[in-house]
């Protein structure tokens, strides 16, 4: 498919799209997916919804304030003016966003898109080295961050503007003096709208490139046909907006359908349940481990107002689904998505749910199971999950594009079985990614963090089963002679080197690691050891 003329003055994103032969095959099989050539997804999500549902409807909620749709529109306009006037942002520039889930982060996200620039959504817990990698990869013009998350940015040679603090330099103060509306840039539907970072199995970050039409496609496939929101819904959840799972569930889906969203910066299971009850939340997005923790907290009664619960990020065990249904009467909507695909593409809701199954291909998508040669396997046979639809993987200038896209199919890195009725059943990950409590953690990245400790000679990391988190990071560490076996010290060291959620929750100290004759560590033998221990428990 030929790209339409771009509105980007800065051509960085277009210049770094994958080669045409390496791009996935896109399919637009639903009438809602016939988007116009000119499209700014921020305008459609915000001003389009204002036109359909009204400007005074509640939009962004916290425990202390409520922003209407008009409030978000005005403040995002003001921020957009500041970005252009004070920082010279032009269409196509990248702007890195960093902060917990709160209204000003959402306002900044919309403002960047209105200017025709490209938000780079990041996790607030990333450390300096991880931020450096993203800055080098995406080359942003500036960074917008919550004022509480500047410590790892002091060394970055970029303008940094903060929000949420007092003072004349705060973004809210600068924006507050702007009175005139902002004329949003008329971007192309196939201009890049966002760069969504994701961990590679090697620990080297990748950035997935999604168009303006892709952003809307997630709302007009999974949200419209499976989730089925209504304007009176109140959304909330635990995934950060820096994850595409959180971006969709807490921003894109509610705003597309005129609903409101409760933004929680952080919440324990008990606090989450209380917030759901206090704000009469009806739609909840979180990971399988969080649903299990909600039940363990004894707060099932607080969830009575929920009508929709969505689980993704890791496999949802049938026992968790059944226990949650028994306690609440709610049928969790399971799904698989991914940063590469932007959001969920296999799922099922209501009476279409088969507990233990991930579901069927979401309307607008096609999914199948392939063998190692790229051929479809018979139903009932394990193989590689592959998908096509209106969204797909485009890595920013990354040779790993060829690993994810094969003959037009997006290969998710998961082993699945499809049954005769088209339901997909998860078997395992087929790469080195560890999925723990919904977070993707690259084993080699944790190994590199451990190896930076002066007492560590060798380190190997694998996934280990865990009843609370699904899996955890389990490290095997070979220390230098005379070093003290101090797991807590190593864990603290890793937390300072990389995002804290990536640290190894279990550490075995060993005198040697299993290796091939060429000296390569045999991770599979360590996985077998962990599995054997688990069976004995």
Protein backbone atom coordinates (compact mmCIF):
# COMPACT_ATOMS: atom_id res chain seq x y z
CA UNK A 1 0.00 0.00 0.00
CA UNK A 2 1.41 3.36 -1.02
CA UNK A 3 1.75 5.96 1.73
CA UNK A 4 -0.07 9.27 1.36
CA UNK A 5 1.89 12.56 1.43
CA UNK A 6 3.09 13.23 4.95
CA UNK A 7 2.38 16.32 7.02
CA UNK A 8 5.64 15.77 8.93
CA UNK A 9 8.25 18.46 8.49
CA UNK A 10 10.71 16.29 10.40
CA UNK A 11 10.82 13.11 8.28
CA UNK A 12 12.63 10.92 10.85
CA UNK A 13 9.74 8.48 11.30
CA UNK A 14 8.96 8.02 7.61
CA UNK A 15 12.68 7.68 6.89
CA UNK A 16 12.98 4.83 9.39
CA UNK A 17 9.95 2.75 8.51
CA UNK A 18 10.74 -0.89 7.66
CA UNK A 19 11.39 -1.66 4.02
CA UNK A 20 8.15 -2.43 2.14
CA UNK A 21 9.09 -6.11 1.81
CA UNK A 22 9.43 -6.39 5.60
CA UNK A 23 6.13 -4.76 6.52
CA UNK A 24 3.11 -6.81 7.57
CA UNK A 25 0.07 -7.24 5.38
CA UNK A 26 -2.68 -4.88 6.51
CA UNK A 27 -6.37 -5.70 6.17
CA UNK A 28 -9.30 -3.31 6.53
CA UNK A 29 -12.33 -5.60 6.47
CA UNK A 30 -14.77 -3.60 8.60
CA UNK A 31 -16.66 -0.47 7.47
CA UNK A 32 -15.40 1.45 10.52
CA UNK A 33 -11.82 0.99 9.32
CA UNK A 34 -12.29 3.09 6.16
CA UNK A 35 -10.51 6.15 7.53
CA UNK A 36 -9.94 9.30 5.43
CA UNK A 37 -6.48 10.07 4.01
CA UNK A 38 -6.17 13.06 6.34
CA UNK A 39 -6.62 12.11 9.98
CA UNK A 40 -5.36 13.33 13.35
CA UNK A 41 -6.35 10.71 15.91
CA UNK A 42 -6.17 13.20 18.81
CA UNK A 43 -8.72 15.43 17.11
CA UNK A 44 -11.03 12.53 16.36
CA UNK A 45 -10.76 11.04 19.86
CA UNK A 46 -11.29 14.32 21.72
CA UNK A 47 -13.09 16.85 19.56
CA UNK A 48 -14.94 14.13 17.66
CA UNK A 49 -16.29 12.77 20.92
CA UNK A 50 -17.18 16.27 22.10
CA UNK A 51 -19.25 16.65 18.94
CA UNK A 52 -21.00 13.32 19.51
CA UNK A 53 -21.44 13.29 23.28
CA UNK A 54 -21.02 16.86 24.55
CA UNK A 55 -18.21 18.95 26.01
CA UNK A 56 -19.35 18.95 29.64
CA UNK A 57 -19.27 15.19 30.18
CA UNK A 58 -16.77 13.96 32.79
CA UNK A 59 -13.60 12.72 31.11
CA UNK A 60 -10.57 12.33 33.43
CA UNK A 61 -11.13 11.55 37.11
CA UNK A 62 -8.88 11.35 40.16
CA UNK A 63 -9.68 11.30 43.87
CA UNK A 64 -9.24 15.08 43.98
CA UNK A 65 -10.46 16.45 40.64
CA UNK A 66 -12.60 15.91 37.58
CA UNK A 67 -11.74 17.15 34.11
CA UNK A 68 -14.54 17.41 31.58
CA UNK A 69 -13.98 16.79 27.89
CA UNK A 70 -13.89 20.57 27.48
CA UNK A 71 -11.22 20.84 30.20
CA UNK A 72 -8.99 18.29 28.48
CA UNK A 73 -9.53 19.96 25.12
CA UNK A 74 -8.61 23.39 26.49
CA UNK A 75 -5.55 22.21 28.40
CA UNK A 76 -4.19 20.09 25.58
CA UNK A 77 -4.63 23.12 23.28
CA UNK A 78 -2.70 25.24 25.74
CA UNK A 79 0.14 22.73 26.04
CA UNK A 80 0.31 22.44 22.25
CA UNK A 81 0.75 26.21 22.02
CA UNK A 82 3.60 26.07 24.54
CA UNK A 83 5.33 23.26 22.67
CA UNK A 84 5.29 25.19 19.41
CA UNK A 85 5.91 28.67 20.83
CA UNK A 86 8.58 27.91 23.43
CA UNK A 87 10.24 24.74 22.16
CA UNK A 88 9.86 25.04 18.40
CA UNK A 89 8.14 21.68 18.02
CA UNK A 90 7.27 20.92 14.39
CA UNK A 91 5.28 18.05 12.89
CA UNK A 92 7.27 14.84 13.02
CA UNK A 93 9.43 15.77 16.03
CA UNK A 94 9.44 13.20 18.82
CA UNK A 95 8.51 14.17 22.39
CA UNK A 96 9.30 11.74 25.19
CA UNK A 97 6.61 11.52 27.89
CA UNK A 98 7.38 10.25 31.40
CA UNK A 99 5.06 10.05 34.38
CA UNK A 100 2.44 8.05 36.25
CA UNK A 101 -1.19 7.89 35.20
CA UNK A 102 -2.66 11.34 35.79
CA UNK A 103 -4.57 13.99 33.80
CA UNK A 104 -1.56 16.12 32.85
CA UNK A 105 0.16 13.15 31.24
CA UNK A 106 -2.96 12.60 29.12
CA UNK A 107 -3.13 16.31 28.25
CA UNK A 108 0.52 16.23 27.15
CA UNK A 109 -0.12 13.14 25.01
CA UNK A 110 -2.98 14.85 23.19
CA UNK A 111 -1.04 18.10 22.84
CA UNK A 112 1.92 16.40 21.19
CA UNK A 113 -0.37 14.74 18.67
CA UNK A 114 -2.20 17.98 17.95
CA UNK A 115 1.10 19.61 16.97
CA UNK A 116 1.69 16.78 14.51
CA UNK A 117 4.58 15.55 16.64
CA UNK A 118 5.03 11.98 17.86
CA UNK A 119 4.77 11.02 21.54
CA UNK A 120 7.23 8.44 22.83
CA UNK A 121 5.43 6.84 25.75
CA UNK A 122 7.69 5.52 28.50
CA UNK A 123 7.45 3.85 31.88
CA UNK A 124 8.11 6.22 34.79
CA UNK A 125 10.18 3.54 36.56
CA UNK A 126 12.88 3.38 33.87
CA UNK A 127 16.39 4.18 35.03
CA UNK A 128 18.95 6.53 33.47
CA UNK A 129 20.58 3.88 31.26
CA UNK A 130 17.23 2.74 29.89
CA UNK A 131 16.18 6.32 29.19
CA UNK A 132 19.50 6.94 27.44
CA UNK A 133 18.81 3.98 25.16
CA UNK A 134 15.37 5.34 24.24
CA UNK A 135 16.69 8.84 23.66
CA UNK A 136 19.38 7.47 21.36
CA UNK A 137 16.82 5.33 19.52
CA UNK A 138 14.02 7.88 19.09
CA UNK A 139 15.95 11.20 19.11
CA UNK A 140 13.30 13.34 20.81
CA UNK A 141 13.29 17.11 20.70
CA UNK A 142 12.36 17.41 24.36
CA UNK A 143 11.10 15.49 27.39
CA UNK A 144 7.87 16.20 29.27
CA UNK A 145 7.89 14.62 32.72
CA UNK A 146 6.09 14.61 36.02
CA UNK A 147 8.18 16.76 38.38
CA UNK A 148 8.72 13.77 40.70
CA UNK A 149 10.54 11.78 37.99
CA UNK A 150 13.42 14.05 37.01
CA UNK A 151 16.25 12.34 38.90
CA UNK A 152 17.23 10.09 36.00
CA UNK A 153 17.05 12.97 33.50
CA UNK A 154 19.61 15.40 34.91
CA UNK A 155 22.32 14.21 32.53
CA UNK A 156 20.17 14.22 29.38
CA UNK A 157 21.20 16.90 26.87
CA UNK A 158 17.61 17.80 26.00
CA UNK A 159 15.10 20.37 27.22
CA UNK A 160 13.09 18.90 30.10
CA UNK A 161 9.74 20.47 31.02
CA UNK A 162 7.95 19.32 34.15
CA UNK A 163 4.34 19.33 35.24
CA UNK A 164 2.62 18.94 38.60
CA UNK A 165 4.81 21.35 40.60
CA UNK A 166 4.42 24.95 41.65
CA UNK A 167 6.43 27.64 39.94
CA UNK A 168 6.43 29.67 36.73
CA UNK A 169 8.37 27.08 34.75
CA UNK A 170 5.85 24.31 35.37
CA UNK A 171 4.00 23.23 32.25
CA UNK A 172 0.62 23.92 33.83
CA UNK A 173 1.70 27.46 34.70
CA UNK A 174 3.07 28.10 31.21
CA UNK A 175 -0.06 26.68 29.60
CA UNK A 176 -2.37 28.60 31.91
CA UNK A 177 -1.43 31.90 30.29
CA UNK A 178 -2.50 30.76 26.82
CA UNK A 179 -5.92 31.92 25.72
CA UNK A 180 -6.14 31.30 21.98
CA UNK A 181 -7.21 27.85 20.65
CA UNK A 182 -4.74 25.68 18.78
CA UNK A 183 -5.29 24.64 15.17
CA UNK A 184 -4.34 20.96 15.18
CA UNK A 185 -2.07 19.80 12.37
CA UNK A 186 -3.93 17.96 9.63
CA UNK A 187 -1.76 14.84 9.64
CA UNK A 188 -2.07 11.94 7.23
CA UNK A 189 -3.83 8.82 8.43
CA UNK A 190 -0.60 6.95 7.75
CA UNK A 191 1.68 9.45 9.46
CA UNK A 192 3.32 7.95 12.53
CA UNK A 193 1.31 8.96 15.59
CA UNK A 194 3.30 7.30 18.37
CA UNK A 195 6.45 5.38 19.13
CA UNK A 196 5.77 2.69 21.70
CA UNK A 197 8.92 1.18 23.21
CA UNK A 198 9.06 -2.53 23.96
CA UNK A 199 11.79 -4.71 25.42
CA UNK A 200 13.64 -6.98 23.05
CA UNK A 201 14.64 -10.45 24.17
CA UNK A 202 18.25 -9.22 24.12
CA UNK A 203 17.43 -6.30 26.40
CA UNK A 204 18.03 -3.79 23.61
CA UNK A 205 14.84 -1.70 23.34
CA UNK A 206 12.74 -1.53 20.21
CA UNK A 207 10.25 1.15 19.26
CA UNK A 208 7.10 0.18 17.44
CA UNK A 209 5.67 2.74 15.02
CA UNK A 210 1.91 3.18 14.85
CA UNK A 211 -0.06 5.41 12.49
CA UNK A 212 -2.96 7.73 13.33
CA UNK A 213 -5.35 5.26 11.72
CA UNK A 214 -3.88 2.44 13.86
CA UNK A 215 -4.78 4.28 17.05
CA UNK A 216 -8.41 4.50 15.97
CA UNK A 217 -8.41 0.93 14.65
CA UNK A 218 -7.88 -0.45 18.16
CA UNK A 219 -11.02 1.37 19.27
CA UNK A 220 -13.04 0.23 16.27
CA UNK A 221 -12.12 -3.47 16.55
CA UNK A 222 -11.60 -4.85 20.06
CA UNK A 223 -13.30 -1.99 21.91
CA UNK A 224 -16.29 -1.65 19.58
CA UNK A 225 -16.98 -5.33 18.92
CA UNK A 226 -15.79 -7.13 22.07
CA UNK A 227 -15.65 -4.66 24.95
CA UNK A 228 -18.71 -2.66 23.74
CA UNK A 229 -18.34 0.47 25.94
CA UNK A 230 -21.16 2.93 26.55
CA UNK A 231 -20.93 6.63 27.33
CA UNK A 232 -21.91 6.14 30.98
CA UNK A 233 -19.03 3.74 31.63
CA UNK A 234 -16.29 4.64 34.09
CA UNK A 235 -12.97 2.96 33.23
CA UNK A 236 -10.00 2.33 35.47
CA UNK A 237 -7.04 -0.03 35.73
CA UNK A 238 -3.47 -0.59 36.83
CA UNK A 239 -1.43 -0.70 33.58
CA UNK A 240 0.65 2.43 32.99
CA UNK A 241 -0.34 4.61 30.06
CA UNK A 242 3.25 4.04 28.92
CA UNK A 243 2.10 0.50 28.04
CA UNK A 244 -0.15 0.27 25.02
CA UNK A 245 -2.45 -1.97 27.11
CA UNK A 246 -2.91 0.95 29.50
CA UNK A 247 -3.06 3.57 26.74
CA UNK A 248 -5.92 1.72 25.08
CA UNK A 249 -7.82 0.72 28.20
CA UNK A 250 -7.50 4.03 30.05
CA UNK A 251 -7.41 6.64 27.28
CA UNK A 252 -8.33 5.50 23.78
CA UNK A 253 -11.34 3.30 24.53
CA UNK A 254 -13.16 5.53 27.04
CA UNK A 255 -12.64 8.69 25.00
CA UNK A 256 -13.71 7.09 21.71
CA UNK A 257 -17.08 6.24 23.25
CA UNK A 258 -17.69 9.32 25.40
CA UNK A 259 -16.96 7.60 28.72
CA UNK A 260 -14.79 8.70 31.64
CA UNK A 261 -11.63 7.19 33.09
CA UNK A 262 -10.35 7.11 36.66
CA UNK A 263 -6.57 7.58 36.65
CA UNK A 264 -4.72 5.89 39.50
CA UNK A 265 -1.02 6.57 39.92
CA UNK A 266 -0.55 3.47 42.04
CA UNK A 267 -2.89 1.14 43.88
CA UNK A 268 -2.61 -1.99 45.99
CA UNK A 269 -5.34 -4.62 45.45
CA UNK A 270 -7.24 -3.23 48.43
CA UNK A 271 -6.86 0.36 47.21
CA UNK A 272 -7.91 -0.62 43.69
CA UNK A 273 -11.06 -2.34 44.96
CA UNK A 274 -11.92 0.65 47.15
CA UNK A 275 -11.42 3.04 44.22
CA UNK A 276 -13.66 0.89 42.02
CA UNK A 277 -16.39 1.06 44.66
CA UNK A 278 -15.90 4.74 45.49
CA UNK A 279 -16.05 5.95 41.88
CA UNK A 280 -18.65 3.44 40.65
CA UNK A 281 -16.24 2.03 38.09
CA UNK A 282 -17.82 -0.21 35.47
CA UNK A 283 -14.82 -1.26 33.30
CA UNK A 284 -11.56 -2.58 34.77
CA UNK A 285 -8.29 -3.29 32.94
CA UNK A 286 -5.55 -5.19 34.75
CA UNK A 287 -3.34 -8.29 34.63
CA UNK A 288 -4.36 -11.82 35.68
CA UNK A 289 -2.27 -11.67 38.83
CA UNK A 290 -4.14 -8.54 39.92
CA UNK A 291 -7.51 -10.30 39.59
CA UNK A 292 -6.20 -13.07 41.82
CA UNK A 293 -4.89 -10.51 44.30
CA UNK A 294 -8.26 -8.72 44.34
CA UNK A 295 -9.91 -11.93 45.47
CA UNK A 296 -7.22 -12.58 48.07
CA UNK A 297 -7.76 -9.08 49.48
CA UNK A 298 -11.29 -10.01 50.53
CA UNK A 299 -12.72 -7.09 48.55
CA UNK A 300 -14.88 -8.99 46.07
CA UNK A 301 -18.03 -7.21 47.29
CA UNK A 302 -16.51 -3.84 46.33
CA UNK A 303 -16.48 -4.93 42.69
CA UNK A 304 -20.26 -5.26 42.38
CA UNK A 305 -20.66 -2.26 40.05
CA UNK A 306 -18.26 -3.66 37.45
CA UNK A 307 -19.79 -4.91 34.23
CA UNK A 308 -16.58 -5.46 32.25
CA UNK A 309 -13.20 -6.83 33.38
CA UNK A 310 -10.40 -7.15 30.83
CA UNK A 311 -7.26 -9.23 31.33
CA UNK A 312 -4.15 -9.16 29.15
CA UNK A 313 -0.41 -8.91 29.41
CA UNK A 314 0.05 -12.55 30.40
CA UNK A 315 -1.84 -15.83 30.34
CA UNK A 316 -5.07 -15.91 32.39
CA UNK A 317 -5.25 -19.29 34.23
CA UNK A 318 -8.63 -20.97 34.11
CA UNK A 319 -8.60 -21.25 37.92
CA UNK A 320 -8.34 -17.47 38.27
CA UNK A 321 -11.17 -16.96 35.78
CA UNK A 322 -13.42 -19.44 37.57
CA UNK A 323 -12.64 -18.16 41.07
CA UNK A 324 -13.32 -14.56 40.02
CA UNK A 325 -16.58 -15.55 38.33
CA UNK A 326 -17.73 -17.48 41.39
CA UNK A 327 -16.93 -14.59 43.74
CA UNK A 328 -18.30 -11.72 41.63
CA UNK A 329 -20.47 -13.14 38.85
CA UNK A 330 -18.26 -11.33 36.33
CA UNK A 331 -16.85 -13.12 33.29
CA UNK A 332 -13.34 -11.76 32.74
CA UNK A 333 -12.65 -10.86 29.11
CA UNK A 334 -9.32 -12.50 28.36
CA UNK A 335 -7.19 -11.34 25.45
CA UNK A 336 -3.80 -11.28 23.84
CA UNK A 337 -2.35 -8.16 22.34
CA UNK A 338 1.10 -6.67 22.12
CA UNK A 339 2.98 -3.43 21.67
CA UNK A 340 3.77 -4.52 18.11
CA UNK A 341 0.04 -4.81 17.32
CA UNK A 342 -0.90 -1.87 19.60
CA UNK A 343 -3.67 -3.72 21.44
CA UNK A 344 -5.78 -6.89 21.72
CA UNK A 345 -6.41 -8.99 18.60
CA UNK A 346 -7.65 -12.32 20.05
CA UNK A 347 -10.38 -12.24 22.69
CA UNK A 348 -13.95 -13.20 23.59
CA UNK A 349 -16.68 -11.79 25.80
CA UNK A 350 -19.89 -12.86 27.52
CA UNK A 351 -21.32 -16.18 26.35
CA UNK A 352 -18.57 -16.55 23.72
CA UNK A 353 -16.01 -17.08 26.48
CA UNK A 354 -14.49 -20.52 26.96
CA UNK A 355 -12.63 -20.44 30.29
CA UNK A 356 -8.95 -21.18 29.78
CA UNK A 357 -9.00 -20.04 26.16
CA UNK A 358 -7.71 -16.64 25.05
CA UNK A 359 -10.65 -16.38 22.64
CA UNK A 360 -11.08 -16.02 18.91
CA UNK A 361 -9.75 -13.51 16.40
CA UNK A 362 -11.25 -10.09 17.14
CA UNK A 363 -13.44 -8.78 14.28
CA UNK A 364 -11.12 -7.04 11.84
CA UNK A 365 -8.26 -9.46 12.53
CA UNK A 366 -7.30 -12.88 11.21
CA UNK A 367 -5.29 -15.28 13.37
CA UNK A 368 -3.77 -18.67 12.65
CA UNK A 369 -1.14 -21.10 13.93
CA UNK A 370 1.96 -21.74 11.81
CA UNK A 371 4.79 -24.25 11.91
CA UNK A 372 8.46 -23.24 11.78
CA UNK A 373 8.32 -23.17 7.99
CA UNK A 374 5.41 -20.70 8.00
CA UNK A 375 2.75 -23.25 7.01
CA UNK A 376 -0.64 -23.48 8.79
CA UNK A 377 -0.87 -26.46 11.12
CA UNK A 378 -4.01 -28.57 11.65
CA UNK A 379 -6.35 -27.55 14.46
CA UNK A 380 -5.19 -29.10 17.71
CA UNK A 381 -1.51 -28.86 16.77
CA UNK A 382 0.78 -26.46 18.68
CA UNK A 383 2.57 -23.81 16.64
CA UNK A 384 3.40 -20.14 16.35
CA UNK A 385 0.54 -17.69 16.75
CA UNK A 386 0.34 -15.40 13.71
CA UNK A 387 -2.02 -12.50 13.04
CA UNK A 388 -3.02 -9.97 10.37
CA UNK A 389 -5.35 -7.01 10.59
CA UNK A 390 -5.59 -3.20 10.47
CA UNK A 391 -2.56 -2.85 12.78
CA UNK A 392 0.83 -4.52 12.62
CA UNK A 393 4.48 -4.43 13.56
CA UNK A 394 6.73 -1.65 12.27
CA UNK A 395 9.95 -1.45 14.24
CA UNK A 396 11.87 1.81 14.08
CA UNK A 397 15.06 1.10 12.10
CA UNK A 398 15.53 -2.38 13.58
CA UNK A 399 16.73 -5.55 11.87
CA UNK A 400 14.52 -7.57 14.23
CA UNK A 401 11.58 -6.57 12.03
CA UNK A 402 12.38 -9.65 9.95
CA UNK A 403 11.93 -11.85 13.03
CA UNK A 404 8.47 -10.52 13.85
CA UNK A 405 6.98 -10.29 10.37
CA UNK A 406 7.10 -13.28 8.04
CA UNK A 407 5.28 -13.39 4.71
CA UNK A 408 2.89 -10.67 5.86
CA UNK A 409 2.07 -12.36 9.19
CA UNK A 410 2.88 -10.84 12.58
CA UNK A 411 4.47 -13.55 14.75
CA UNK A 412 3.71 -12.84 18.39
CA UNK A 413 6.35 -15.04 20.01
CA UNK A 414 3.71 -17.32 21.59
CA UNK A 415 2.96 -21.00 21.10
CA UNK A 416 -0.78 -21.62 20.72
CA UNK A 417 -3.24 -24.32 19.72
CA UNK A 418 -6.41 -23.48 17.78
CA UNK A 419 -9.42 -25.74 18.21
CA UNK A 420 -12.01 -26.65 15.58
CA UNK A 421 -14.26 -23.74 16.64
CA UNK A 422 -11.54 -21.14 16.14
CA UNK A 423 -10.65 -20.65 19.82
CA UNK A 424 -6.97 -20.16 20.66
CA UNK A 425 -5.37 -21.88 23.65
CA UNK A 426 -2.08 -20.63 25.09
CA UNK A 427 0.82 -23.06 25.57
CA UNK A 428 4.01 -21.04 26.17
CA UNK A 429 6.25 -18.19 25.13
CA UNK A 430 8.73 -19.28 22.47
CA UNK A 431 11.44 -16.69 23.14
CA UNK A 432 13.48 -15.42 26.09
CA UNK A 433 10.87 -12.94 27.30
CA UNK A 434 9.72 -13.33 30.91
CA UNK A 435 6.16 -12.13 31.56
CA UNK A 436 5.65 -11.33 35.25
CA UNK A 437 2.49 -9.66 36.56
CA UNK A 438 1.87 -8.37 33.04
CA UNK A 439 5.34 -6.83 32.63
CA UNK A 440 7.60 -7.99 29.81
CA UNK A 441 11.12 -8.53 31.13
CA UNK A 442 14.01 -9.47 28.87
CA UNK A 443 16.16 -12.07 30.59
CA UNK A 444 19.43 -10.91 28.99
CA UNK A 445 18.85 -7.37 30.25
CA UNK A 446 18.67 -8.63 33.84
CA UNK A 447 21.77 -10.74 33.23
CA UNK A 448 23.70 -7.68 32.06
CA UNK A 449 22.61 -5.75 35.15
CA UNK A 450 23.84 -8.57 37.40
CA UNK A 451 27.13 -8.86 35.53
CA UNK A 452 27.85 -5.20 36.22
CA UNK A 453 28.23 -6.04 39.92
CA UNK A 454 31.93 -6.47 40.77
CA UNK A 455 31.31 -9.75 42.65
CA UNK A 456 29.46 -11.48 39.78
CA UNK A 457 31.46 -13.58 37.34
CA UNK A 458 28.54 -15.17 35.47
CA UNK A 459 24.76 -14.85 35.55
CA UNK A 460 21.85 -16.57 33.82
CA UNK A 461 18.18 -15.67 34.12
CA UNK A 462 15.07 -17.76 33.40
CA UNK A 463 11.36 -17.60 34.18
CA UNK A 464 10.10 -19.52 37.22
CA UNK A 465 6.45 -20.29 38.03
CA UNK A 466 4.94 -18.17 40.78
CA UNK A 467 1.40 -18.41 42.18
CA UNK A 468 1.06 -14.65 42.70
CA UNK A 469 2.77 -13.26 39.59
CA UNK A 470 2.42 -16.06 37.07
CA UNK A 471 6.18 -16.16 36.60
CA UNK A 472 9.11 -14.42 38.24
CA UNK A 473 12.68 -13.68 37.27
CA UNK A 474 14.92 -16.44 38.65
CA UNK A 475 18.67 -15.81 38.50
CA UNK A 476 21.56 -18.25 38.76
CA UNK A 477 24.71 -16.40 39.83
CA UNK A 478 28.36 -17.49 39.92
CA UNK A 479 30.36 -15.21 42.22
CA UNK A 480 34.06 -14.44 42.27
CA UNK A 481 36.09 -16.43 44.84
CA UNK A 482 35.68 -15.06 48.34
CA UNK A 483 32.55 -13.00 47.60
CA UNK A 484 29.67 -13.11 50.08
CA UNK A 485 26.40 -14.69 48.89
CA UNK A 486 24.09 -11.76 49.54
CA UNK A 487 20.91 -12.02 47.47
CA UNK A 488 19.36 -8.86 48.92
CA UNK A 489 22.40 -6.80 47.95
CA UNK A 490 22.32 -8.09 44.38
CA UNK A 491 18.59 -7.41 44.13
CA UNK A 492 19.09 -3.85 45.36
CA UNK A 493 21.93 -3.39 42.85
CA UNK A 494 19.72 -4.49 39.95
CA UNK A 495 16.89 -2.20 41.09
CA UNK A 496 19.27 0.74 40.81
CA UNK A 497 20.52 -0.30 37.38
CA UNK A 498 17.23 -1.03 35.60
CA UNK A 499 13.52 -0.60 36.28
CA UNK A 500 12.81 -2.12 39.70
CA UNK A 501 10.10 -4.49 38.47
CA UNK A 502 12.77 -6.36 36.49
CA UNK A 503 14.85 -7.48 39.49
CA UNK A 504 15.34 -11.23 40.17
CA UNK A 505 12.96 -12.28 42.92
CA UNK A 506 14.80 -15.58 43.32
CA UNK A 507 18.57 -16.05 43.21
CA UNK A 508 20.53 -19.30 43.30
CA UNK A 509 24.25 -19.04 43.93
CA UNK A 510 26.14 -21.70 41.94
CA UNK A 511 29.76 -22.64 41.35
CA UNK A 512 29.23 -23.18 37.63
CA UNK A 513 26.58 -22.80 34.96
CA UNK A 514 25.67 -25.49 32.40
CA UNK A 515 27.25 -24.70 29.03
CA UNK A 516 27.60 -26.02 25.52
CA UNK A 517 31.05 -27.16 24.29
CA UNK A 518 31.45 -23.71 22.75
CA UNK A 519 30.84 -22.07 26.13
CA UNK A 520 27.26 -20.85 25.64
CA UNK A 521 25.08 -21.03 28.74
CA UNK A 522 22.33 -23.65 28.39
CA UNK A 523 19.30 -21.78 29.66
CA UNK A 524 17.03 -24.69 28.85
CA UNK A 525 18.77 -26.82 31.47
CA UNK A 526 18.17 -24.14 34.07
CA UNK A 527 14.51 -23.98 33.06
CA UNK A 528 14.33 -27.76 33.46
CA UNK A 529 15.88 -27.46 36.93
CA UNK A 530 13.34 -24.83 37.97
CA UNK A 531 10.48 -26.93 36.56
CA UNK A 532 11.67 -30.02 38.44
CA UNK A 533 11.81 -28.10 41.71
CA UNK A 534 8.32 -26.78 41.11
CA UNK A 535 6.95 -30.30 40.59
CA UNK A 536 8.47 -31.42 43.88
CA UNK A 537 6.81 -28.64 45.86
